[in-house]
Amino acid sequence: MSERELIERARKGDRAAEREIYDAHVDRVFRLAYRMCGRADLAEDFVQETFVKAFGALDKFRGDAALSTWLHSIATRVVLNGLRSVKRHERRAEPLEAADREAGGATEPPDPDLKRRLTAALDGLKDEYRMVVVMHDMEGYTHDEIGAALGIAEGSSKARLSRARAMLRAELAPYAMEWMR
C-alpha cells in the first residue's frame, strides 16, 4: 500500500493506517527529537506530542513535501516549544551548586570526555543553529529538506550550518590538543 493510500485511510479514521504511519516514522522522529533535546524522556514526550498533532492535522497535509518532512517540521516545532518550557522551568529550579560556581566557589575539574564536551557545545548553541547541525550532520537531511521542515530558505540552512560549525570549532578549540595525543 502506498503512503498516499495510508494517509487517505488515516484521514478517514482508520487506526491501522495510523499505526502503519507511526511505525514507519517513529524511529526517525525520535532520533531527531533526542538529538535536539539530549534527553530520552523528553524526546519520548515530544514524539508522542508530534504524532498527536500530526494525526489531528492530517487533513491539512497537502502532499507538497514528503510525509516525513511534514512530520519532522511538526516535531521541530514541538521540540523547540517544549525546550523553551523546560528551560524556563530549569532556570527557576537551578541548583545551589551553580550559584556557588557563579559566586566564585568551588569549580569542577575539566572533563576530558570528548562526547560530553561536544554535547555541551551543541547544547550551548541557539536552537536555530543546533537544529540545522542535528538535522544535517547527524540525521543526514539535505538543506532543501531542512528548509522545508523549518520554514526557511535552503540558503539560510546552509548559512546557519556554517555559522554553527564555526561556533562549535571556537568552543572546542581549547581541547583540540588533548584529543590529538
N, C-alpha and C. Protein backbone atom coordinates (compact mmCIF):
# COMPACT_ATOMS: atom_id res chain seq x y z
N MET A 1 0.84 -1.18 0.00
CA MET A 1 0.00 0.00 0.00
C MET A 1 0.89 1.24 0.00
N SER A 2 0.54 2.21 -0.82
CA SER A 2 1.34 3.42 -0.94
C SER A 2 1.10 4.33 0.27
N GLU A 3 2.04 5.25 0.44
CA GLU A 3 1.92 6.20 1.54
C GLU A 3 0.68 7.07 1.38
N ARG A 4 0.38 7.46 0.15
CA ARG A 4 -0.79 8.29 -0.11
C ARG A 4 -2.08 7.56 0.29
N GLU A 5 -2.14 6.26 0.00
CA GLU A 5 -3.31 5.47 0.38
C GLU A 5 -3.42 5.36 1.90
N LEU A 6 -2.28 5.18 2.55
CA LEU A 6 -2.28 5.15 4.03
C LEU A 6 -2.80 6.46 4.61
N ILE A 7 -2.34 7.54 4.04
CA ILE A 7 -2.77 8.86 4.52
C ILE A 7 -4.28 9.02 4.35
N GLU A 8 -4.78 8.63 3.20
CA GLU A 8 -6.23 8.73 2.97
C GLU A 8 -7.02 7.87 3.96
N ARG A 9 -6.54 6.66 4.20
CA ARG A 9 -7.21 5.79 5.17
C ARG A 9 -7.15 6.41 6.58
N ALA A 10 -6.00 6.95 6.94
CA ALA A 10 -5.85 7.57 8.26
C ALA A 10 -6.76 8.79 8.40
N ARG A 11 -6.90 9.56 7.33
CA ARG A 11 -7.79 10.72 7.35
C ARG A 11 -9.24 10.31 7.64
N LYS A 12 -9.59 9.11 7.22
CA LYS A 12 -10.95 8.60 7.43
C LYS A 12 -11.10 7.90 8.78
N GLY A 13 -10.04 7.96 9.61
CA GLY A 13 -10.13 7.40 10.95
C GLY A 13 -9.68 5.97 11.09
N ASP A 14 -9.03 5.42 10.10
CA ASP A 14 -8.54 4.04 10.14
C ASP A 14 -7.32 3.96 11.08
N ARG A 15 -7.52 3.35 12.24
CA ARG A 15 -6.46 3.26 13.25
C ARG A 15 -5.29 2.39 12.77
N ALA A 16 -5.56 1.37 11.98
CA ALA A 16 -4.49 0.52 11.46
C ALA A 16 -3.57 1.33 10.54
N ALA A 17 -4.15 2.21 9.74
CA ALA A 17 -3.35 3.06 8.85
C ALA A 17 -2.51 4.04 9.67
N GLU A 18 -3.11 4.61 10.71
CA GLU A 18 -2.36 5.50 11.60
C GLU A 18 -1.18 4.75 12.22
N ARG A 19 -1.43 3.53 12.65
CA ARG A 19 -0.36 2.72 13.26
C ARG A 19 0.76 2.46 12.26
N GLU A 20 0.42 2.18 11.01
CA GLU A 20 1.44 1.94 10.00
C GLU A 20 2.28 3.20 9.76
N ILE A 21 1.62 4.34 9.72
CA ILE A 21 2.35 5.61 9.55
C ILE A 21 3.26 5.83 10.75
N TYR A 22 2.72 5.63 11.93
CA TYR A 22 3.51 5.81 13.16
C TYR A 22 4.72 4.89 13.14
N ASP A 23 4.52 3.61 12.89
CA ASP A 23 5.61 2.64 12.89
C ASP A 23 6.68 2.98 11.86
N ALA A 24 6.26 3.50 10.72
CA ALA A 24 7.20 3.83 9.65
C ALA A 24 8.08 5.04 9.98
N HIS A 25 7.59 5.93 10.85
CA HIS A 25 8.30 7.19 11.07
C HIS A 25 8.77 7.44 12.50
N VAL A 26 8.35 6.64 13.45
CA VAL A 26 8.62 6.93 14.85
C VAL A 26 10.11 6.94 15.18
N ASP A 27 10.88 6.02 14.62
CA ASP A 27 12.30 5.96 14.97
C ASP A 27 13.05 7.21 14.54
N ARG A 28 12.78 7.67 13.33
CA ARG A 28 13.49 8.86 12.84
C ARG A 28 13.04 10.12 13.57
N VAL A 29 11.75 10.21 13.90
CA VAL A 29 11.26 11.36 14.67
C VAL A 29 11.88 11.33 16.06
N PHE A 30 11.99 10.15 16.66
CA PHE A 30 12.62 10.05 17.98
C PHE A 30 14.08 10.48 17.92
N ARG A 31 14.84 10.00 16.93
CA ARG A 31 16.25 10.39 16.83
C ARG A 31 16.39 11.89 16.70
N LEU A 32 15.55 12.50 15.88
CA LEU A 32 15.59 13.95 15.72
C LEU A 32 15.30 14.64 17.05
N ALA A 33 14.24 14.24 17.72
CA ALA A 33 13.87 14.85 18.99
C ALA A 33 14.96 14.63 20.04
N TYR A 34 15.51 13.44 20.08
CA TYR A 34 16.55 13.14 21.07
C TYR A 34 17.80 13.97 20.83
N ARG A 35 18.20 14.07 19.59
CA ARG A 35 19.40 14.85 19.30
C ARG A 35 19.19 16.33 19.55
N MET A 36 17.96 16.77 19.41
CA MET A 36 17.67 18.19 19.65
C MET A 36 17.65 18.50 21.14
N CYS A 37 17.15 17.57 21.95
CA CYS A 37 16.99 17.88 23.37
C CYS A 37 17.98 17.14 24.26
N GLY A 38 18.54 16.03 23.80
CA GLY A 38 19.55 15.32 24.56
C GLY A 38 19.04 14.49 25.73
N ARG A 39 17.75 14.31 25.81
CA ARG A 39 17.18 13.53 26.92
C ARG A 39 16.10 12.60 26.38
N ALA A 40 16.26 11.30 26.66
CA ALA A 40 15.33 10.31 26.14
C ALA A 40 13.91 10.53 26.66
N ASP A 41 13.78 10.90 27.93
CA ASP A 41 12.44 11.08 28.50
C ASP A 41 11.70 12.22 27.80
N LEU A 42 12.39 13.32 27.56
CA LEU A 42 11.78 14.44 26.85
C LEU A 42 11.50 14.07 25.40
N ALA A 43 12.45 13.39 24.77
CA ALA A 43 12.28 13.01 23.37
C ALA A 43 11.03 12.13 23.20
N GLU A 44 10.81 11.20 24.12
CA GLU A 44 9.62 10.34 24.04
C GLU A 44 8.35 11.18 24.14
N ASP A 45 8.34 12.13 25.06
CA ASP A 45 7.18 13.01 25.19
C ASP A 45 6.96 13.83 23.91
N PHE A 46 8.06 14.35 23.36
CA PHE A 46 7.96 15.15 22.15
C PHE A 46 7.48 14.32 20.96
N VAL A 47 7.91 13.06 20.88
CA VAL A 47 7.47 12.18 19.80
C VAL A 47 5.96 11.96 19.90
N GLN A 48 5.50 11.67 21.10
CA GLN A 48 4.05 11.44 21.27
C GLN A 48 3.26 12.68 20.89
N GLU A 49 3.72 13.83 21.36
CA GLU A 49 3.02 15.07 21.03
C GLU A 49 3.04 15.34 19.52
N THR A 50 4.16 15.02 18.89
CA THR A 50 4.28 15.20 17.44
C THR A 50 3.22 14.40 16.71
N PHE A 51 3.08 13.13 17.06
CA PHE A 51 2.11 12.29 16.35
C PHE A 51 0.68 12.67 16.69
N VAL A 52 0.42 13.09 17.91
CA VAL A 52 -0.93 13.55 18.25
C VAL A 52 -1.28 14.75 17.38
N LYS A 53 -0.35 15.71 17.30
CA LYS A 53 -0.60 16.90 16.47
C LYS A 53 -0.73 16.53 14.99
N ALA A 54 0.14 15.63 14.53
CA ALA A 54 0.11 15.25 13.12
C ALA A 54 -1.20 14.58 12.74
N PHE A 55 -1.64 13.63 13.54
CA PHE A 55 -2.89 12.95 13.20
C PHE A 55 -4.08 13.88 13.34
N GLY A 56 -3.99 14.84 14.25
CA GLY A 56 -5.05 15.84 14.38
C GLY A 56 -5.10 16.81 13.21
N ALA A 57 -3.97 16.97 12.53
CA ALA A 57 -3.90 17.93 11.43
C ALA A 57 -3.69 17.25 10.08
N LEU A 58 -3.92 15.96 10.02
CA LEU A 58 -3.66 15.22 8.79
C LEU A 58 -4.46 15.75 7.60
N ASP A 59 -5.64 16.32 7.86
CA ASP A 59 -6.43 16.91 6.78
C ASP A 59 -5.73 18.10 6.14
N LYS A 60 -4.80 18.73 6.88
CA LYS A 60 -4.07 19.89 6.37
C LYS A 60 -2.84 19.50 5.56
N PHE A 61 -2.46 18.22 5.62
CA PHE A 61 -1.31 17.76 4.84
C PHE A 61 -1.67 17.76 3.36
N ARG A 62 -0.96 18.59 2.59
CA ARG A 62 -1.27 18.75 1.17
C ARG A 62 -0.51 17.79 0.27
N GLY A 63 0.57 17.25 0.76
CA GLY A 63 1.36 16.35 -0.05
C GLY A 63 2.40 17.04 -0.92
N ASP A 64 2.63 18.34 -0.69
CA ASP A 64 3.64 19.07 -1.46
C ASP A 64 5.04 18.53 -1.15
N ALA A 65 5.24 18.14 0.10
CA ALA A 65 6.51 17.56 0.54
C ALA A 65 6.22 16.13 1.00
N ALA A 66 7.27 15.40 1.26
CA ALA A 66 7.10 14.03 1.76
C ALA A 66 6.46 14.08 3.15
N LEU A 67 5.73 13.03 3.48
CA LEU A 67 5.11 12.95 4.80
C LEU A 67 6.17 13.06 5.89
N SER A 68 7.33 12.44 5.67
CA SER A 68 8.40 12.50 6.67
C SER A 68 8.86 13.93 6.91
N THR A 69 8.96 14.72 5.86
CA THR A 69 9.36 16.13 6.00
C THR A 69 8.31 16.89 6.80
N TRP A 70 7.05 16.65 6.51
CA TRP A 70 5.96 17.30 7.23
C TRP A 70 5.98 16.90 8.70
N LEU A 71 6.16 15.62 8.98
CA LEU A 71 6.24 15.15 10.37
C LEU A 71 7.42 15.79 11.10
N HIS A 72 8.54 15.90 10.41
CA HIS A 72 9.72 16.46 11.05
C HIS A 72 9.58 17.95 11.29
N SER A 73 8.83 18.63 10.45
CA SER A 73 8.60 20.06 10.72
C SER A 73 7.71 20.20 11.96
N ILE A 74 6.75 19.31 12.12
CA ILE A 74 5.91 19.33 13.33
C ILE A 74 6.79 19.00 14.54
N ALA A 75 7.62 17.97 14.42
CA ALA A 75 8.49 17.57 15.53
C ALA A 75 9.42 18.70 15.93
N THR A 76 9.95 19.40 14.95
CA THR A 76 10.85 20.52 15.22
C THR A 76 10.15 21.59 16.05
N ARG A 77 8.93 21.94 15.65
CA ARG A 77 8.18 22.96 16.41
C ARG A 77 7.85 22.45 17.81
N VAL A 78 7.44 21.20 17.92
CA VAL A 78 7.11 20.62 19.22
C VAL A 78 8.33 20.65 20.14
N VAL A 79 9.48 20.23 19.63
CA VAL A 79 10.70 20.21 20.45
C VAL A 79 11.12 21.62 20.85
N LEU A 80 11.11 22.54 19.91
CA LEU A 80 11.52 23.92 20.24
C LEU A 80 10.61 24.52 21.31
N ASN A 81 9.31 24.35 21.15
CA ASN A 81 8.38 24.87 22.15
C ASN A 81 8.55 24.15 23.48
N GLY A 82 8.74 22.85 23.43
CA GLY A 82 8.95 22.08 24.65
C GLY A 82 10.24 22.47 25.36
N LEU A 83 11.30 22.70 24.60
CA LEU A 83 12.57 23.09 25.21
C LEU A 83 12.47 24.46 25.87
N ARG A 84 11.73 25.37 25.25
CA ARG A 84 11.54 26.69 25.89
C ARG A 84 10.88 26.52 27.25
N SER A 85 9.89 25.68 27.29
CA SER A 85 9.17 25.44 28.54
C SER A 85 10.09 24.79 29.57
N VAL A 86 10.87 23.81 29.16
CA VAL A 86 11.78 23.12 30.07
C VAL A 86 12.85 24.08 30.58
N LYS A 87 13.39 24.90 29.68
CA LYS A 87 14.43 25.85 30.08
C LYS A 87 13.90 26.85 31.10
N ARG A 88 12.66 27.32 30.90
CA ARG A 88 12.08 28.25 31.88
C ARG A 88 11.97 27.57 33.23
N HIS A 89 11.52 26.34 33.22
CA HIS A 89 11.36 25.60 34.48
C HIS A 89 12.72 25.34 35.14
N GLU A 90 13.72 24.94 34.35
CA GLU A 90 15.03 24.64 34.90
C GLU A 90 15.73 25.89 35.43
N ARG A 91 15.49 27.04 34.78
CA ARG A 91 16.09 28.28 35.30
C ARG A 91 15.56 28.61 36.68
N ARG A 92 14.28 28.34 36.88
CA ARG A 92 13.69 28.61 38.19
C ARG A 92 14.17 27.63 39.24
N ALA A 93 14.54 26.42 38.81
CA ALA A 93 14.93 25.38 39.75
C ALA A 93 16.43 25.11 39.71
N GLU A 94 17.22 26.11 39.36
CA GLU A 94 18.67 25.93 39.24
C GLU A 94 19.27 25.52 40.58
N PRO A 95 20.13 24.51 40.58
CA PRO A 95 20.71 24.03 41.84
C PRO A 95 21.65 25.05 42.48
N LEU A 96 21.80 24.91 43.77
CA LEU A 96 22.65 25.82 44.53
C LEU A 96 24.11 25.73 44.10
N GLU A 97 24.55 24.57 43.64
CA GLU A 97 25.94 24.42 43.22
C GLU A 97 26.28 25.39 42.09
N ALA A 98 25.34 25.60 41.20
CA ALA A 98 25.57 26.53 40.09
C ALA A 98 25.73 27.95 40.63
N ALA A 99 24.95 28.30 41.60
CA ALA A 99 25.06 29.62 42.21
C ALA A 99 26.41 29.78 42.89
N ASP A 100 26.91 28.71 43.55
CA ASP A 100 28.22 28.75 44.18
C ASP A 100 29.32 28.99 43.15
N ARG A 101 29.24 28.30 42.00
CA ARG A 101 30.26 28.46 40.96
C ARG A 101 30.26 29.90 40.45
N GLU A 102 29.06 30.45 40.24
CA GLU A 102 28.97 31.82 39.73
C GLU A 102 29.52 32.83 40.74
N ALA A 103 29.42 32.49 42.01
CA ALA A 103 29.89 33.38 43.06
C ALA A 103 31.38 33.18 43.35
N GLY A 104 32.04 32.31 42.57
CA GLY A 104 33.47 32.10 42.76
C GLY A 104 33.77 30.95 43.70
N GLY A 105 32.81 30.10 43.95
CA GLY A 105 33.01 28.95 44.82
C GLY A 105 33.78 27.86 44.11
N ALA A 106 33.64 26.65 44.62
CA ALA A 106 34.36 25.50 44.08
C ALA A 106 33.97 25.25 42.62
N THR A 107 34.96 24.88 41.83
CA THR A 107 34.68 24.52 40.44
C THR A 107 35.09 23.07 40.21
N GLU A 108 34.46 22.45 39.23
CA GLU A 108 34.79 21.08 38.90
C GLU A 108 35.98 21.05 37.96
N PRO A 109 36.82 20.02 38.05
CA PRO A 109 37.93 19.92 37.09
C PRO A 109 37.36 19.67 35.70
N PRO A 110 38.06 20.11 34.66
CA PRO A 110 37.55 19.90 33.31
C PRO A 110 37.41 18.42 33.00
N ASP A 111 36.38 18.08 32.29
CA ASP A 111 36.11 16.70 31.91
C ASP A 111 36.77 16.43 30.56
N PRO A 112 37.65 15.41 30.48
CA PRO A 112 38.35 15.15 29.22
C PRO A 112 37.51 14.40 28.18
N ASP A 113 36.31 14.07 28.50
CA ASP A 113 35.49 13.26 27.61
C ASP A 113 34.98 14.07 26.43
N LEU A 114 35.38 13.68 25.24
CA LEU A 114 35.00 14.39 24.01
C LEU A 114 33.50 14.45 23.82
N LYS A 115 32.84 13.33 24.01
CA LYS A 115 31.39 13.28 23.78
C LYS A 115 30.67 14.27 24.69
N ARG A 116 31.06 14.33 25.92
CA ARG A 116 30.42 15.24 26.87
C ARG A 116 30.66 16.70 26.47
N ARG A 117 31.90 17.00 26.05
CA ARG A 117 32.20 18.38 25.64
C ARG A 117 31.45 18.76 24.37
N LEU A 118 31.38 17.83 23.44
CA LEU A 118 30.66 18.11 22.21
C LEU A 118 29.18 18.32 22.49
N THR A 119 28.62 17.48 23.35
CA THR A 119 27.20 17.64 23.72
C THR A 119 26.97 18.99 24.38
N ALA A 120 27.87 19.36 25.26
CA ALA A 120 27.73 20.66 25.93
C ALA A 120 27.85 21.80 24.92
N ALA A 121 28.76 21.66 23.98
CA ALA A 121 28.92 22.71 22.96
C ALA A 121 27.67 22.80 22.09
N LEU A 122 27.11 21.66 21.72
CA LEU A 122 25.86 21.67 20.95
C LEU A 122 24.73 22.29 21.75
N ASP A 123 24.64 21.93 23.02
CA ASP A 123 23.59 22.48 23.87
C ASP A 123 23.73 23.99 24.04
N GLY A 124 24.95 24.48 23.91
CA GLY A 124 25.20 25.91 24.05
C GLY A 124 24.79 26.74 22.84
N LEU A 125 24.54 26.06 21.73
CA LEU A 125 24.12 26.78 20.52
C LEU A 125 22.67 27.24 20.66
N LYS A 126 22.35 28.34 20.01
CA LYS A 126 20.95 28.75 19.93
C LYS A 126 20.20 27.67 19.17
N ASP A 127 18.92 27.54 19.47
CA ASP A 127 18.10 26.49 18.86
C ASP A 127 18.17 26.50 17.35
N GLU A 128 18.15 27.68 16.73
CA GLU A 128 18.13 27.77 15.27
C GLU A 128 19.39 27.18 14.65
N TYR A 129 20.51 27.25 15.36
CA TYR A 129 21.75 26.67 14.85
C TYR A 129 21.85 25.18 15.19
N ARG A 130 21.49 24.83 16.42
CA ARG A 130 21.55 23.43 16.85
C ARG A 130 20.66 22.56 15.95
N MET A 131 19.48 23.07 15.61
CA MET A 131 18.55 22.32 14.78
C MET A 131 19.19 21.93 13.44
N VAL A 132 19.84 22.89 12.81
CA VAL A 132 20.43 22.63 11.50
C VAL A 132 21.59 21.65 11.61
N VAL A 133 22.43 21.79 12.63
CA VAL A 133 23.54 20.86 12.83
C VAL A 133 23.01 19.44 13.04
N VAL A 134 22.03 19.30 13.91
CA VAL A 134 21.47 17.98 14.19
C VAL A 134 20.85 17.39 12.93
N MET A 135 20.04 18.18 12.25
CA MET A 135 19.33 17.65 11.09
C MET A 135 20.30 17.32 9.94
N HIS A 136 21.29 18.18 9.70
CA HIS A 136 22.20 17.95 8.57
C HIS A 136 23.31 16.97 8.90
N ASP A 137 24.08 17.27 9.94
CA ASP A 137 25.29 16.50 10.22
C ASP A 137 25.00 15.17 10.94
N MET A 138 23.93 15.12 11.71
CA MET A 138 23.66 13.90 12.47
C MET A 138 22.57 13.04 11.85
N GLU A 139 21.58 13.67 11.26
CA GLU A 139 20.45 12.91 10.71
C GLU A 139 20.50 12.79 9.19
N GLY A 140 21.38 13.55 8.53
CA GLY A 140 21.57 13.40 7.10
C GLY A 140 20.55 14.08 6.20
N TYR A 141 19.83 15.05 6.73
CA TYR A 141 18.88 15.79 5.90
C TYR A 141 19.63 16.69 4.93
N THR A 142 19.02 16.93 3.78
CA THR A 142 19.57 17.90 2.84
C THR A 142 19.14 19.30 3.28
N HIS A 143 19.79 20.30 2.74
CA HIS A 143 19.42 21.67 3.09
C HIS A 143 18.00 21.99 2.60
N ASP A 144 17.62 21.41 1.49
CA ASP A 144 16.26 21.61 0.99
C ASP A 144 15.24 21.04 1.98
N GLU A 145 15.50 19.84 2.49
CA GLU A 145 14.59 19.22 3.47
C GLU A 145 14.56 20.02 4.77
N ILE A 146 15.72 20.49 5.19
CA ILE A 146 15.79 21.29 6.42
C ILE A 146 15.00 22.58 6.25
N GLY A 147 15.18 23.22 5.10
CA GLY A 147 14.44 24.45 4.82
C GLY A 147 12.94 24.21 4.88
N ALA A 148 12.48 23.11 4.28
CA ALA A 148 11.06 22.80 4.29
C ALA A 148 10.56 22.53 5.71
N ALA A 149 11.35 21.80 6.49
CA ALA A 149 10.94 21.45 7.85
C ALA A 149 10.92 22.66 8.77
N LEU A 150 11.88 23.56 8.60
CA LEU A 150 11.99 24.71 9.49
C LEU A 150 11.32 25.97 8.95
N GLY A 151 10.87 25.91 7.72
CA GLY A 151 10.23 27.08 7.12
C GLY A 151 11.21 28.19 6.79
N ILE A 152 12.42 27.79 6.34
CA ILE A 152 13.44 28.76 5.97
C ILE A 152 13.94 28.43 4.57
N ALA A 153 14.66 29.35 3.96
CA ALA A 153 15.22 29.11 2.63
C ALA A 153 16.39 28.14 2.74
N GLU A 154 16.65 27.43 1.65
CA GLU A 154 17.77 26.50 1.60
C GLU A 154 19.08 27.22 1.92
N GLY A 155 19.25 28.43 1.39
CA GLY A 155 20.46 29.21 1.66
C GLY A 155 20.60 29.57 3.13
N SER A 156 19.48 29.81 3.79
CA SER A 156 19.53 30.11 5.23
C SER A 156 19.99 28.89 6.01
N SER A 157 19.57 27.73 5.58
CA SER A 157 20.01 26.49 6.22
C SER A 157 21.53 26.35 6.09
N LYS A 158 22.04 26.59 4.89
CA LYS A 158 23.48 26.49 4.66
C LYS A 158 24.24 27.51 5.51
N ALA A 159 23.73 28.72 5.57
CA ALA A 159 24.39 29.78 6.35
C ALA A 159 24.39 29.43 7.84
N ARG A 160 23.26 28.94 8.32
CA ARG A 160 23.19 28.57 9.74
C ARG A 160 24.14 27.42 10.07
N LEU A 161 24.24 26.47 9.17
CA LEU A 161 25.16 25.35 9.40
C LEU A 161 26.60 25.84 9.45
N SER A 162 26.95 26.72 8.54
CA SER A 162 28.30 27.27 8.52
C SER A 162 28.60 28.03 9.82
N ARG A 163 27.67 28.87 10.24
CA ARG A 163 27.86 29.62 11.49
C ARG A 163 27.94 28.69 12.70
N ALA A 164 27.08 27.69 12.71
CA ALA A 164 27.06 26.74 13.84
C ALA A 164 28.38 25.99 13.93
N ARG A 165 28.89 25.54 12.79
CA ARG A 165 30.17 24.83 12.80
C ARG A 165 31.29 25.73 13.29
N ALA A 166 31.27 27.00 12.88
CA ALA A 166 32.29 27.94 13.35
C ALA A 166 32.20 28.13 14.86
N MET A 167 30.98 28.23 15.38
CA MET A 167 30.79 28.38 16.82
C MET A 167 31.28 27.13 17.56
N LEU A 168 31.00 25.97 17.02
CA LEU A 168 31.46 24.73 17.65
C LEU A 168 32.98 24.64 17.63
N ARG A 169 33.59 25.01 16.50
CA ARG A 169 35.07 25.00 16.42
C ARG A 169 35.66 25.92 17.47
N ALA A 170 35.09 27.11 17.61
CA ALA A 170 35.61 28.06 18.59
C ALA A 170 35.43 27.53 20.01
N GLU A 171 34.31 26.91 20.27
CA GLU A 171 34.03 26.38 21.61
C GLU A 171 34.94 25.21 21.95
N LEU A 172 35.24 24.38 20.97
CA LEU A 172 36.01 23.16 21.22
C LEU A 172 37.51 23.31 20.97
N ALA A 173 37.95 24.42 20.39
CA ALA A 173 39.36 24.63 20.07
C ALA A 173 40.29 24.44 21.26
N PRO A 174 39.95 24.93 22.47
CA PRO A 174 40.87 24.75 23.59
C PRO A 174 41.17 23.29 23.92
N TYR A 175 40.33 22.37 23.48
CA TYR A 175 40.51 20.96 23.81
C TYR A 175 41.14 20.17 22.67
N ALA A 176 41.40 20.80 21.55
CA ALA A 176 41.86 20.10 20.36
C ALA A 176 43.16 19.35 20.61
N MET A 177 44.09 19.94 21.31
CA MET A 177 45.38 19.29 21.53
C MET A 177 45.22 18.04 22.41
N GLU A 178 44.27 18.05 23.34
CA GLU A 178 44.05 16.87 24.18
C GLU A 178 43.64 15.68 23.34
N TRP A 179 42.82 15.91 22.30
CA TRP A 179 42.28 14.82 21.51
C TRP A 179 43.27 14.33 20.46
N MET A 180 44.31 15.11 20.19
CA MET A 180 45.25 14.73 19.16
C MET A 180 46.39 13.89 19.72
N ARG A 181 46.47 13.74 21.00
CA ARG A 181 47.56 12.96 21.61
C ARG A 181 47.41 11.51 21.35
